[in-house]
């Protein structure tokens, strides 16, 4: 994940992550070998952005509330 302030975060294990300040506004997300979902939105309504292996999402500086990495590949990614 690349944040709007230029910082980066790397997630390397399945699970749910809750980004905190100052890393809350995402610029882009690269899924590498992961699938899952991002919960994003500025002060609601929140929405989910799904991703599959090796997707890159342009987030445009939206607030990221949650990053969830699946332990196994969901059917939507096959």
Protein backbone atom coordinates (compact mmCIF):
# COMPACT_ATOMS: atom_id res chain seq x y z
CA UNK A 1 0.00 0.00 0.00
CA UNK A 2 1.30 3.43 -0.90
CA UNK A 3 -0.18 6.19 1.21
CA UNK A 4 -0.88 9.78 0.19
CA UNK A 5 1.94 10.98 2.46
CA UNK A 6 4.44 8.79 0.54
CA UNK A 7 4.80 6.13 3.24
CA UNK A 8 4.34 2.48 2.33
CA UNK A 9 2.94 -0.47 4.26
CA UNK A 10 3.50 -4.13 3.52
CA UNK A 11 1.13 -6.85 4.67
CA UNK A 12 2.50 -10.39 4.52
CA UNK A 13 0.01 -12.57 6.37
CA UNK A 14 -3.70 -13.26 5.94
CA UNK A 15 -5.90 -11.32 8.32
CA UNK A 16 -7.54 -7.96 8.86
CA UNK A 17 -5.55 -4.76 9.31
CA UNK A 18 -6.74 -1.33 10.44
CA UNK A 19 -4.46 1.45 9.16
CA UNK A 20 -3.94 4.31 11.59
CA UNK A 21 -2.80 7.90 11.26
CA UNK A 22 -0.78 9.17 9.49
CA UNK A 23 -1.24 6.25 7.06
CA UNK A 24 -4.96 6.46 6.44
CA UNK A 25 -5.33 7.99 2.97
CA UNK A 26 -4.35 5.51 0.27
CA UNK A 27 -2.89 6.47 -3.06
CA UNK A 28 -2.48 2.96 -4.50
CA UNK A 29 -2.58 -0.69 -3.54
CA UNK A 30 -0.69 -3.55 -5.18
CA UNK A 31 -2.03 -6.99 -4.28
CA UNK A 32 1.09 -9.04 -5.15
CA UNK A 33 0.03 -12.67 -4.60
CA UNK A 34 -2.91 -11.82 -2.35
CA UNK A 35 -6.66 -11.52 -2.76
CA UNK A 36 -9.01 -9.75 -0.41
CA UNK A 37 -10.79 -6.45 0.05
CA UNK A 38 -10.26 -2.87 1.10
CA UNK A 39 -12.94 -0.93 2.97
CA UNK A 40 -12.60 2.70 1.91
CA UNK A 41 -14.50 5.98 1.98
CA UNK A 42 -14.21 9.51 3.28
CA UNK A 43 -16.60 9.95 6.22
CA UNK A 44 -19.11 7.50 4.74
CA UNK A 45 -20.66 5.95 2.93
CA UNK A 46 -17.98 3.30 3.00
CA UNK A 47 -17.56 0.84 0.18
CA UNK A 48 -15.54 -2.29 -0.54
CA UNK A 49 -12.91 -2.59 -3.25
CA UNK A 50 -12.18 -6.23 -4.03
CA UNK A 51 -8.85 -7.35 -5.43
CA UNK A 52 -7.28 -10.55 -6.72
CA UNK A 53 -3.68 -11.66 -7.17
CA UNK A 54 -1.43 -9.03 -8.71
CA UNK A 55 -4.14 -6.37 -9.10
CA UNK A 56 -3.14 -2.75 -8.68
CA UNK A 57 -5.83 -0.40 -7.40
CA UNK A 58 -5.66 3.36 -7.82
CA UNK A 59 -7.22 4.74 -4.65
CA UNK A 60 -6.82 8.43 -5.40
CA UNK A 61 -6.23 9.48 -1.79
CA UNK A 62 -9.37 7.96 -0.28
CA UNK A 63 -9.41 6.97 3.40
CA UNK A 64 -8.64 3.27 3.97
CA UNK A 65 -10.51 1.87 6.95
CA UNK A 66 -9.63 -1.80 6.64
CA UNK A 67 -7.37 -4.11 4.65
CA UNK A 68 -8.41 -7.77 4.61
CA UNK A 69 -6.18 -10.46 3.08
CA UNK A 70 -7.79 -13.83 2.37
CA UNK A 71 -6.10 -17.01 3.55
CA UNK A 72 -7.31 -18.77 0.39
CA UNK A 73 -8.29 -17.55 -3.06
CA UNK A 74 -12.03 -16.75 -3.27
CA UNK A 75 -14.17 -18.06 -6.13
CA UNK A 76 -14.44 -14.57 -7.66
CA UNK A 77 -10.67 -14.66 -8.33
CA UNK A 78 -10.55 -17.95 -10.23
